[in-house]
Amino acid sequence: MSVLFVCASPRGRQSSSLWFSEYVEAALPAGTDVDRILLGDLGLEEDDPASDLRFEDLVGRMQSARVVVWVLGLYTFGVPSGMRLLLDRLLAKTVPTDFAGRGVVALLTSAQFQDDRVLDRVRLMSEQLGFGWIGDASVLGNPVTGFERGRAVVLQAKRIAGEIADVVQGAPVPPARSLPIDRQVLAPGPDRGPGRSDPPWEPASSGPDLSMMPAGPSPILVLTGTSPDADPAVAETIDAIRDAATRPVEVADLARVRLRHCTGCYACNREVAGRCVQPDALQAIRGRMARAGAVVVVSRAGAAMPDLALRRLAERMWGDCHRPPFTGIPGAVAVVRGGPVADLAGDDLALFLSLTGIRVVGRWTDAPPDPQVRRQAVALEIRRLERAMDEGVDESDRYSVTASRLAFRDMALRWSFFLRADYRYHRVNGLLQDRSRWRHFGFRLLAHSQRFFRAMLDGGRRKGELRHAHRLDVLRRERGQA
């Protein structure tokens, strides 16, 4: 095949990112050999031997293509967890020569905020896999109404389709802009240390209950995306936190609990609380975060991003990022096995915590090679964290955090009430004062009426589907006339 579209949105065929990729496909020259795969249909799961054959088939199809196109939406300012898992596997089980001479493109739909940051990560990982970066396209789109600026979307599709066509027809693939990074950093394996054996794979549903927290002083809650039993570097960091802390330390091992991928169902839109409705450990995790005196997140930096379990947590708490529930709680971020990309993963985690209301007052990595120096660095940050617990964290937000929160507020207003729960937030914080009386009345009606809210969503989707079909028809007719 010439072009392979790999669609990572959990919404599958109902996603605006897949619609955008269809415009690009329709704008390619007639006769171009095109294939498409939806990651949600593929069914990749971490540590699941049954998905190995499906993964090998995907790698074979990627090697058969001249150009691979990543198709994704922005989920809480990061890639979907399905794509995060795919990158992990590709980095762990392939070598750069497997994809040498092949080009890659990224298509992104979002609110057009933090796009460059995410696309830079996708470019970096694609080049480390061995692809040549052809380019990317980012458009304003959402799953409710589709695209706000349809003409701009079509023009973007034509532009990137032309760049893909050039490579398919023999143009050279651009050389990598990034220097090679050790694969052990990008895909840290399950190093269990001497004398330990890998346990058999079992579903995460058999993990411990996170709903209970011991009584007494508010503890420091450590959230880890990799089990300390699976990686000595994570265990060392948690031990250093316990040694340095004067308060109780509780560990929530997200790798051992049932936490599903976000499905993109947007049922949280219809919930007055704006919370995810999937029945798993999420609400127990949220409860422990709310009762904690401070939250410390410990992660590895695979694929220059946080651990998969933490990426899942971030996208599942999308509603909480609209209305920060943990305001006033201090936090810290630790990244291990990160090497030159540790700060990239740390930035992602700090942004996520800040959007939920947690003020990040401490950050560290395991960069110091001397274990004693590493422990001193942890002790310094834990002292800073406990001081914030005692004195409060009322310092002003950094510019990037404030801008990100405003972006969430703006999304809700611009897209006509993106969450039912946003009405109360906007009213309490005075964010509806510049709206007309009738617009304010409309927001209130949608907030209190499930029927009207569902009708608004369904109507927006129907209009978006009609506009999508029309644009696709126009592009196909233009290609037929060319």
Protein backbone atom coordinates (compact mmCIF):
# COMPACT_ATOMS: atom_id res chain seq x y z
CA MET A 1 0.00 0.00 0.00
CA SER A 2 1.04 3.63 -0.38
CA VAL A 3 -0.69 5.34 2.56
CA LEU A 4 -1.81 3.86 5.90
CA PHE A 5 -4.09 5.90 8.17
CA VAL A 6 -3.79 4.87 11.84
CA CYS A 7 -6.77 6.37 13.67
CA ALA A 8 -6.24 6.66 17.43
CA SER A 9 -9.43 8.38 18.61
CA PRO A 10 -11.45 6.18 20.99
CA ARG A 11 -14.61 7.46 19.25
CA GLY A 12 -13.63 5.50 16.14
CA ARG A 13 -15.87 6.23 13.17
CA GLN A 14 -17.70 8.98 15.04
CA SER A 15 -14.59 11.09 15.67
CA SER A 16 -13.92 14.43 14.03
CA SER A 17 -10.27 13.41 13.55
CA LEU A 18 -11.36 10.48 11.37
CA TRP A 19 -13.57 12.86 9.37
CA PHE A 20 -10.54 15.07 8.80
CA SER A 21 -8.52 12.09 7.61
CA GLU A 22 -11.30 11.27 5.12
CA TYR A 23 -10.92 14.76 3.63
CA VAL A 24 -7.19 14.12 3.23
CA GLU A 25 -7.86 10.76 1.62
CA ALA A 26 -10.39 12.30 -0.77
CA ALA A 27 -7.85 14.98 -1.75
CA LEU A 28 -5.13 12.44 -2.66
CA PRO A 29 -4.57 11.77 -6.38
CA ALA A 30 -6.88 9.20 -7.94
CA GLY A 31 -5.45 5.69 -7.82
CA THR A 32 -3.49 6.19 -4.59
CA ASP A 33 -3.45 2.92 -2.64
CA VAL A 34 -4.91 3.68 0.80
CA ASP A 35 -5.50 1.52 3.87
CA ARG A 36 -7.01 2.45 7.23
CA ILE A 37 -6.93 0.93 10.69
CA LEU A 38 -8.76 1.97 13.87
CA LEU A 39 -6.79 1.30 17.06
CA GLY A 40 -10.02 0.84 18.99
CA ASP A 41 -10.97 -2.06 16.71
CA LEU A 42 -7.49 -3.55 16.94
CA GLY A 43 -7.82 -4.18 20.68
CA LEU A 44 -4.24 -3.66 21.87
CA GLU A 45 -3.82 -4.07 25.63
CA GLU A 46 -0.69 -3.77 27.75
CA ASP A 47 0.84 -7.03 28.99
CA ASP A 48 -1.76 -9.05 27.07
CA PRO A 49 -0.10 -11.84 25.04
CA ALA A 50 -3.29 -12.32 23.02
CA SER A 51 -2.79 -8.95 21.30
CA ASP A 52 0.76 -9.72 20.10
CA LEU A 53 -0.40 -11.16 16.77
CA ARG A 54 -2.59 -8.12 16.11
CA PHE A 55 0.34 -5.85 16.90
CA GLU A 56 2.64 -7.78 14.53
CA ASP A 57 0.04 -7.46 11.77
CA LEU A 58 -0.09 -3.69 12.33
CA VAL A 59 3.71 -3.42 12.14
CA GLY A 60 3.67 -5.36 8.88
CA ARG A 61 1.08 -3.01 7.39
CA MET A 62 3.11 0.00 8.51
CA GLN A 63 6.22 -1.43 6.85
CA SER A 64 4.27 -1.99 3.63
CA ALA A 65 3.19 1.66 3.47
CA ARG A 66 5.22 4.48 1.97
CA VAL A 67 3.52 7.02 4.31
CA VAL A 68 1.91 6.40 7.71
CA VAL A 69 -0.63 9.00 8.88
CA TRP A 70 -1.28 9.34 12.62
CA VAL A 71 -4.89 10.47 13.12
CA LEU A 72 -5.71 11.66 16.63
CA GLY A 73 -7.66 14.07 18.75
CA LEU A 74 -6.40 16.00 21.76
CA TYR A 75 -7.47 14.43 25.06
CA THR A 76 -6.75 16.62 28.10
CA PHE A 77 -3.83 18.16 26.22
CA GLY A 78 -2.24 14.83 25.32
CA VAL A 79 -2.45 11.97 22.84
CA PRO A 80 -5.20 9.35 23.38
CA SER A 81 -4.04 6.56 25.68
CA GLY A 82 -4.49 4.05 22.85
CA MET A 83 -1.83 5.83 20.83
CA ARG A 84 0.36 6.17 23.92
CA LEU A 85 0.20 2.37 24.28
CA LEU A 86 0.99 1.84 20.59
CA LEU A 87 4.06 4.10 20.76
CA ASP A 88 5.25 2.17 23.82
CA ARG A 89 5.03 -1.12 21.97
CA LEU A 90 6.62 0.20 18.79
CA LEU A 91 9.55 1.64 20.73
CA ALA A 92 10.00 -1.62 22.68
CA LYS A 93 9.63 -4.12 19.82
CA THR A 94 11.03 -2.45 16.70
CA VAL A 95 14.29 -0.84 15.60
CA PRO A 96 14.73 2.34 13.51
CA THR A 97 15.69 0.37 10.41
CA ASP A 98 12.22 -1.25 10.40
CA PHE A 99 10.72 2.03 9.15
CA ALA A 100 13.68 3.57 7.34
CA GLY A 101 12.74 5.36 4.13
CA ARG A 102 9.11 5.80 5.16
CA GLY A 103 7.40 9.07 5.92
CA VAL A 104 4.91 9.97 8.60
CA VAL A 105 2.24 12.67 8.93
CA ALA A 106 0.08 13.69 11.92
CA LEU A 107 -3.51 14.93 11.66
CA LEU A 108 -4.86 16.53 14.84
CA THR A 109 -8.28 17.89 15.79
CA SER A 110 -8.65 19.93 18.96
CA ALA A 111 -9.58 23.33 20.37
CA GLN A 112 -6.28 24.51 18.84
CA PHE A 113 -4.56 25.03 22.15
CA GLN A 114 -1.37 23.14 23.10
CA ASP A 115 -1.37 21.64 19.57
CA ASP A 116 2.27 22.41 18.83
CA ARG A 117 3.39 20.89 22.12
CA VAL A 118 1.63 17.58 21.39
CA LEU A 119 2.65 17.49 17.73
CA ASP A 120 6.28 18.06 18.72
CA ARG A 121 6.11 14.95 20.93
CA VAL A 122 4.55 12.92 18.11
CA ARG A 123 7.25 14.12 15.71
CA LEU A 124 10.03 13.27 18.17
CA MET A 125 8.72 9.73 18.75
CA SER A 126 8.10 9.16 15.03
CA GLU A 127 11.67 10.10 14.21
CA GLN A 128 12.99 7.86 16.99
CA LEU A 129 11.02 5.01 15.40
CA GLY A 130 12.85 5.66 12.13
CA PHE A 131 10.25 7.61 10.15
CA GLY A 132 10.92 10.83 8.28
CA TRP A 133 8.59 13.65 9.38
CA ILE A 134 6.67 14.97 6.36
CA GLY A 135 4.45 17.40 8.23
CA ASP A 136 1.28 17.85 10.23
CA ALA A 137 -2.09 19.57 10.12
CA SER A 138 -4.14 20.78 13.08
CA VAL A 139 -7.76 21.91 12.78
CA LEU A 140 -10.45 23.22 15.10
CA GLY A 141 -12.97 20.44 15.64
CA ASN A 142 -15.05 18.71 18.28
CA PRO A 143 -17.24 15.60 18.44
CA VAL A 144 -20.45 17.58 18.99
CA THR A 145 -20.64 19.88 15.97
CA GLY A 146 -17.70 18.79 13.84
CA PHE A 147 -15.69 21.68 12.39
CA GLU A 148 -16.36 25.36 12.98
CA ARG A 149 -14.35 26.63 10.00
CA GLY A 150 -15.09 24.11 7.29
CA ARG A 151 -13.30 25.92 4.48
CA ALA A 152 -10.08 26.15 6.49
CA VAL A 153 -10.31 22.42 7.26
CA VAL A 154 -10.66 21.54 3.57
CA LEU A 155 -7.72 23.77 2.64
CA GLN A 156 -5.57 22.10 5.32
CA ALA A 157 -6.60 18.68 3.99
CA LYS A 158 -5.60 19.63 0.44
CA ARG A 159 -2.25 21.01 1.62
CA ILE A 160 -1.21 17.95 3.59
CA ALA A 161 -2.56 15.60 0.90
CA GLY A 162 -0.24 17.30 -1.59
CA GLU A 163 2.76 16.71 0.67
CA ILE A 164 1.80 13.05 1.11
CA ALA A 165 1.34 12.63 -2.65
CA ASP A 166 4.82 14.03 -3.33
CA VAL A 167 6.44 11.36 -1.12
CA VAL A 168 4.24 8.58 -2.52
CA GLN A 169 5.30 9.58 -6.03
CA GLY A 170 9.00 9.37 -5.20
CA ALA A 171 10.06 12.56 -3.41
CA PRO A 172 12.68 11.93 -0.68
CA VAL A 173 11.60 11.57 2.91
CA PRO A 174 12.91 14.46 5.09
CA PRO A 175 15.82 13.60 7.40
CA ALA A 176 15.29 13.49 11.15
CA ARG A 177 15.59 16.74 13.11
CA SER A 178 16.13 15.04 16.47
CA LEU A 179 19.20 13.20 17.71
CA PRO A 180 18.84 9.48 18.53
CA ILE A 181 17.75 8.69 22.10
CA ASP A 182 18.49 5.45 23.93
CA ARG A 183 15.54 3.05 23.52
CA GLN A 184 15.88 2.04 27.18
CA VAL A 185 14.87 5.60 28.02
CA LEU A 186 11.99 5.80 25.54
CA ALA A 187 10.66 2.31 26.35
CA PRO A 188 11.82 1.36 29.87
CA GLY A 189 11.31 -2.35 30.32
CA PRO A 190 9.87 -4.13 33.37
CA ASP A 191 13.19 -4.31 35.22
CA ARG A 192 12.34 -6.44 38.27
CA GLY A 193 15.82 -6.74 39.66
CA PRO A 194 17.75 -9.90 40.60
CA GLY A 195 15.82 -12.85 41.93
CA ARG A 196 12.41 -11.63 40.75
CA SER A 197 10.26 -13.27 38.10
CA ASP A 198 7.53 -11.87 35.89
CA PRO A 199 4.07 -12.75 37.23
CA PRO A 200 1.56 -14.17 34.76
CA TRP A 201 -0.62 -11.60 33.04
CA GLU A 202 -3.95 -11.07 34.77
CA PRO A 203 -6.74 -8.47 34.32
CA ALA A 204 -6.37 -5.26 36.27
CA SER A 205 -9.81 -5.86 37.80
CA SER A 206 -8.14 -8.11 40.38
CA GLY A 207 -6.21 -5.16 41.82
CA PRO A 208 -6.62 -3.63 45.29
CA ASP A 209 -9.39 -1.29 46.42
CA LEU A 210 -8.26 2.34 46.52
CA SER A 211 -11.36 3.73 48.19
CA MET A 212 -10.11 3.55 51.78
CA MET A 213 -7.55 5.86 53.39
CA PRO A 214 -6.45 5.47 57.02
CA ALA A 215 -7.77 7.95 59.57
CA GLY A 216 -5.47 10.53 61.12
CA PRO A 217 -3.45 13.45 59.73
CA SER A 218 -3.93 14.14 56.03
CA PRO A 219 -1.27 12.02 54.34
CA ILE A 220 0.92 12.62 51.33
CA LEU A 221 -0.66 10.56 48.56
CA VAL A 222 1.77 9.10 46.01
CA LEU A 223 0.19 8.21 42.65
CA THR A 224 2.42 5.98 40.57
CA GLY A 225 1.77 4.80 37.03
CA THR A 226 4.35 1.99 37.26
CA SER A 227 4.24 -0.45 40.16
CA PRO A 228 7.23 -0.14 42.54
CA ASP A 229 7.37 -3.96 42.43
CA ALA A 230 8.00 -3.75 38.68
CA ASP A 231 10.72 -1.10 38.62
CA PRO A 232 13.42 -0.55 41.27
CA ALA A 233 13.79 3.09 40.19
CA VAL A 234 10.16 3.78 41.12
CA ALA A 235 10.57 1.88 44.40
CA GLU A 236 13.72 3.89 45.22
CA THR A 237 11.87 7.18 44.68
CA ILE A 238 8.95 6.13 46.90
CA ASP A 239 11.35 4.98 49.63
CA ALA A 240 13.12 8.34 49.46
CA ILE A 241 9.77 10.14 49.85
CA ARG A 242 8.91 8.05 52.90
CA ASP A 243 12.32 8.70 54.47
CA ALA A 244 12.09 12.46 53.91
CA ALA A 245 8.45 12.98 54.92
CA THR A 246 7.37 13.77 58.49
CA ARG A 247 3.73 12.99 57.60
CA PRO A 248 2.16 9.64 56.68
CA VAL A 249 2.78 8.54 53.09
CA GLU A 250 0.19 6.47 51.23
CA VAL A 251 0.88 4.88 47.81
CA ALA A 252 -1.82 4.36 45.16
CA ASP A 253 -0.43 1.98 42.53
CA LEU A 254 -2.51 2.76 39.43
CA ALA A 255 -0.88 -0.09 37.50
CA ARG A 256 -2.67 -2.59 39.75
CA VAL A 257 -6.23 -1.24 39.62
CA ARG A 258 -8.94 -1.34 37.00
CA LEU A 259 -8.82 1.94 35.08
CA ARG A 260 -10.27 1.82 31.60
CA HIS A 261 -9.38 3.88 28.54
CA CYS A 262 -11.60 6.87 27.84
CA THR A 263 -14.13 5.71 25.24
CA GLY A 264 -15.04 9.17 23.98
CA CYS A 265 -18.70 8.52 24.85
CA TYR A 266 -19.11 12.07 26.23
CA ALA A 267 -21.67 10.84 28.74
CA CYS A 268 -19.97 13.25 31.14
CA ASN A 269 -21.57 16.01 29.03
CA ARG A 270 -24.99 14.90 30.27
CA GLU A 271 -23.99 14.52 33.92
CA VAL A 272 -24.68 17.49 36.18
CA ALA A 273 -21.47 16.68 38.07
CA GLY A 274 -19.56 16.37 34.77
CA ARG A 275 -17.80 13.18 35.88
CA CYS A 276 -16.95 10.03 33.98
CA VAL A 277 -19.66 7.39 34.25
CA GLN A 278 -17.51 4.29 33.60
CA PRO A 279 -17.74 1.90 36.58
CA ASP A 280 -14.14 1.38 37.67
CA ALA A 281 -11.60 2.71 40.15
CA LEU A 282 -11.68 6.34 38.97
CA GLN A 283 -14.04 7.67 41.65
CA ALA A 284 -12.05 5.90 44.38
CA ILE A 285 -8.87 7.53 43.09
CA ARG A 286 -10.58 10.94 43.01
CA GLY A 287 -11.77 10.42 46.57
CA ARG A 288 -8.28 9.66 47.83
CA MET A 289 -6.90 12.72 46.05
CA ALA A 290 -9.59 14.91 47.64
CA ARG A 291 -8.77 13.62 51.15
CA ALA A 292 -5.00 13.90 50.77
CA GLY A 293 -2.96 16.69 52.25
CA ALA A 294 -0.66 16.65 49.20
CA VAL A 295 -0.36 14.64 45.99
CA VAL A 296 2.93 13.40 44.51
CA VAL A 297 2.91 11.79 41.06
CA VAL A 298 5.75 9.37 40.23
CA SER A 299 6.11 8.31 36.61
CA ARG A 300 8.56 6.97 34.10
CA ALA A 301 9.02 8.83 30.82
CA GLY A 302 8.25 6.24 28.17
CA ALA A 303 7.71 7.77 24.71
CA ALA A 304 8.58 11.16 26.30
CA MET A 305 5.17 11.07 28.01
CA PRO A 306 3.84 9.99 31.41
CA ASP A 307 3.11 6.33 32.15
CA LEU A 308 0.10 4.83 30.42
CA ALA A 309 -1.94 4.54 33.65
CA LEU A 310 -1.39 8.24 34.40
CA ARG A 311 -2.28 9.17 30.80
CA ARG A 312 -5.52 7.25 31.25
CA LEU A 313 -6.21 9.04 34.52
CA ALA A 314 -5.68 12.43 32.89
CA GLU A 315 -8.04 11.85 29.98
CA ARG A 316 -10.69 10.29 32.24
CA MET A 317 -10.59 13.39 34.49
CA TRP A 318 -11.34 15.73 31.59
CA GLY A 319 -14.47 17.00 33.36
CA ASP A 320 -12.46 17.78 36.51
CA CYS A 321 -10.11 19.89 34.44
CA HIS A 322 -13.10 22.08 33.52
CA ARG A 323 -13.90 22.69 37.20
CA PRO A 324 -10.77 22.07 39.33
CA PRO A 325 -11.96 20.02 42.36
CA PHE A 326 -8.67 19.90 44.29
CA THR A 327 -8.00 23.60 44.70
CA GLY A 328 -5.63 24.36 47.57
CA ILE A 329 -3.90 20.96 47.62
CA PRO A 330 -0.12 21.17 46.99
CA GLY A 331 1.58 18.67 44.73
CA ALA A 332 4.87 17.48 43.30
CA VAL A 333 6.02 15.59 40.21
CA ALA A 334 8.81 13.00 39.98
CA VAL A 335 10.02 11.44 36.72
CA VAL A 336 12.40 8.46 36.73
CA ARG A 337 14.24 6.75 33.89
CA GLY A 338 13.62 9.84 31.79
CA GLY A 339 17.07 10.84 30.61
CA PRO A 340 16.85 13.75 28.12
CA VAL A 341 13.05 13.55 27.91
CA ALA A 342 12.30 13.57 31.66
CA ASP A 343 11.31 17.23 31.63
CA LEU A 344 8.83 16.62 28.79
CA ALA A 345 6.95 14.02 30.84
CA GLY A 346 7.25 16.25 33.92
CA ASP A 347 5.65 19.15 32.06
CA ASP A 348 2.69 16.95 31.08
CA LEU A 349 2.15 15.81 34.66
CA ALA A 350 2.51 19.32 36.12
CA LEU A 351 -0.04 20.67 33.63
CA PHE A 352 -2.52 17.89 34.45
CA LEU A 353 -2.26 18.40 38.22
CA SER A 354 -2.53 22.16 37.84
CA LEU A 355 -5.68 21.87 35.72
CA THR A 356 -7.34 19.84 38.49
CA GLY A 357 -6.50 22.59 41.02
CA ILE A 358 -3.38 21.03 42.56
CA ARG A 359 -0.56 23.56 42.83
CA VAL A 360 2.75 21.96 41.82
CA VAL A 361 5.39 23.22 44.24
CA GLY A 362 8.04 20.52 43.75
CA ARG A 363 9.63 18.68 40.81
CA TRP A 364 12.57 16.34 40.47
CA THR A 365 14.06 13.62 38.28
CA ASP A 366 16.55 10.83 38.89
CA ALA A 367 19.17 12.66 36.81
CA PRO A 368 21.85 12.80 39.59
CA PRO A 369 23.87 9.60 39.15
CA ASP A 370 24.80 9.48 42.85
CA PRO A 371 21.98 7.79 44.87
CA GLN A 372 22.79 9.94 47.90
CA VAL A 373 22.44 13.13 45.87
CA ARG A 374 19.12 11.88 44.48
CA ARG A 375 17.82 11.33 48.02
CA GLN A 376 18.94 14.81 49.02
CA ALA A 377 17.04 16.25 46.05
CA VAL A 378 13.89 14.35 47.06
CA ALA A 379 14.25 15.50 50.67
CA LEU A 380 14.52 19.13 49.55
CA GLU A 381 11.33 18.92 47.48
CA ILE A 382 9.41 17.06 50.21
CA ARG A 383 10.35 19.77 52.74
CA ARG A 384 9.01 22.35 50.28
CA LEU A 385 5.84 20.29 49.84
CA GLU A 386 5.21 19.92 53.59
CA ARG A 387 5.79 23.65 54.09
CA ALA A 388 3.09 24.28 51.49
CA MET A 389 0.80 21.85 53.37
CA ASP A 390 1.32 23.82 56.59
CA GLU A 391 1.21 27.35 55.17
CA GLY A 392 -1.11 26.95 52.17
CA VAL A 393 -0.46 27.50 48.48
CA ASP A 394 -2.01 30.83 47.60
CA GLU A 395 0.69 31.99 45.20
CA SER A 396 -0.52 32.99 41.74
CA ASP A 397 -0.62 30.46 38.93
CA ARG A 398 2.05 30.39 36.26
CA TYR A 399 1.08 31.89 32.93
CA SER A 400 0.87 28.57 31.09
CA VAL A 401 -1.42 27.04 33.74
CA THR A 402 -3.72 30.06 33.77
CA ALA A 403 -3.86 30.07 29.98
CA SER A 404 -4.75 26.38 29.92
CA ARG A 405 -7.58 26.83 32.41
CA LEU A 406 -8.92 29.78 30.42
CA ALA A 407 -8.81 27.59 27.32
CA PHE A 408 -11.11 25.08 29.01
CA ARG A 409 -13.50 27.87 30.05
CA ASP A 410 -13.45 29.29 26.52
CA MET A 411 -14.14 25.87 24.99
CA ALA A 412 -17.24 25.47 27.14
CA LEU A 413 -18.65 28.87 26.20
CA ARG A 414 -17.70 28.83 22.54
CA TRP A 415 -19.15 25.38 21.93
CA SER A 416 -22.41 26.32 23.62
CA PHE A 417 -22.19 24.61 26.97
CA PHE A 418 -19.79 21.73 26.55
CA LEU A 419 -20.63 20.25 29.97
CA ARG A 420 -23.89 20.64 31.88
CA ALA A 421 -21.87 21.16 35.06
CA ASP A 422 -20.15 24.20 33.57
CA TYR A 423 -23.20 26.43 34.08
CA ARG A 424 -22.83 26.57 37.84
CA TYR A 425 -19.06 27.07 37.57
CA HIS A 426 -19.43 29.96 35.13
CA ARG A 427 -22.24 31.55 37.13
CA VAL A 428 -20.41 31.33 40.48
CA ASN A 429 -17.20 32.75 39.00
CA GLY A 430 -18.93 35.54 37.08
CA LEU A 431 -17.94 34.27 33.66
CA LEU A 432 -21.43 34.73 32.17
CA GLN A 433 -21.77 38.44 32.96
CA ASP A 434 -20.86 39.55 29.43
CA ARG A 435 -23.47 37.23 27.87
CA SER A 436 -26.87 38.49 26.75
CA ARG A 437 -29.93 37.75 28.85
CA TRP A 438 -31.24 35.26 26.30
CA ARG A 439 -27.89 33.49 26.00
CA HIS A 440 -27.72 33.26 29.78
CA PHE A 441 -31.27 31.86 29.83
CA GLY A 442 -30.26 29.26 27.23
CA PHE A 443 -27.32 28.12 29.35
CA ARG A 444 -29.56 27.80 32.41
CA LEU A 445 -32.18 25.83 30.49
CA LEU A 446 -29.57 23.40 29.19
CA ALA A 447 -28.13 22.98 32.68
CA HIS A 448 -31.45 22.04 34.24
CA SER A 449 -33.06 20.06 31.44
CA GLN A 450 -31.59 16.71 30.40
CA ARG A 451 -34.02 16.65 27.46
CA PHE A 452 -32.90 19.99 26.02
CA PHE A 453 -29.26 19.20 26.58
CA ARG A 454 -29.51 15.86 24.78
CA ALA A 455 -31.44 17.52 21.96
CA MET A 456 -28.68 20.12 21.57
CA LEU A 457 -25.99 17.44 21.34
CA ASP A 458 -27.98 15.29 18.90
CA GLY A 459 -28.85 18.28 16.75
CA GLY A 460 -25.24 19.41 16.63
CA ARG A 461 -24.08 15.95 15.59
CA ARG A 462 -26.68 15.70 12.83
CA LYS A 463 -25.68 19.06 11.40
CA GLY A 464 -22.02 18.12 11.64
CA GLU A 465 -22.61 14.85 9.80
CA LEU A 466 -24.50 16.60 6.98
CA ARG A 467 -21.75 19.20 6.55
CA HIS A 468 -19.14 16.43 6.61
CA ALA A 469 -20.90 14.44 3.90
CA HIS A 470 -21.21 17.55 1.72
CA ARG A 471 -17.51 18.48 2.02
CA LEU A 472 -16.46 14.92 1.32
CA ASP A 473 -18.65 14.79 -1.78
CA VAL A 474 -17.19 18.06 -3.08
CA LEU A 475 -13.61 16.83 -2.59
CA ARG A 476 -14.31 13.56 -4.39
CA ARG A 477 -15.93 15.33 -7.32
CA GLU A 478 -12.96 17.72 -7.57
CA ARG A 479 -10.58 14.75 -7.66
CA GLY A 480 -12.66 13.11 -10.37
CA GLN A 481 -12.53 16.26 -12.49
CA ALA A 482 -8.77 16.69 -12.06
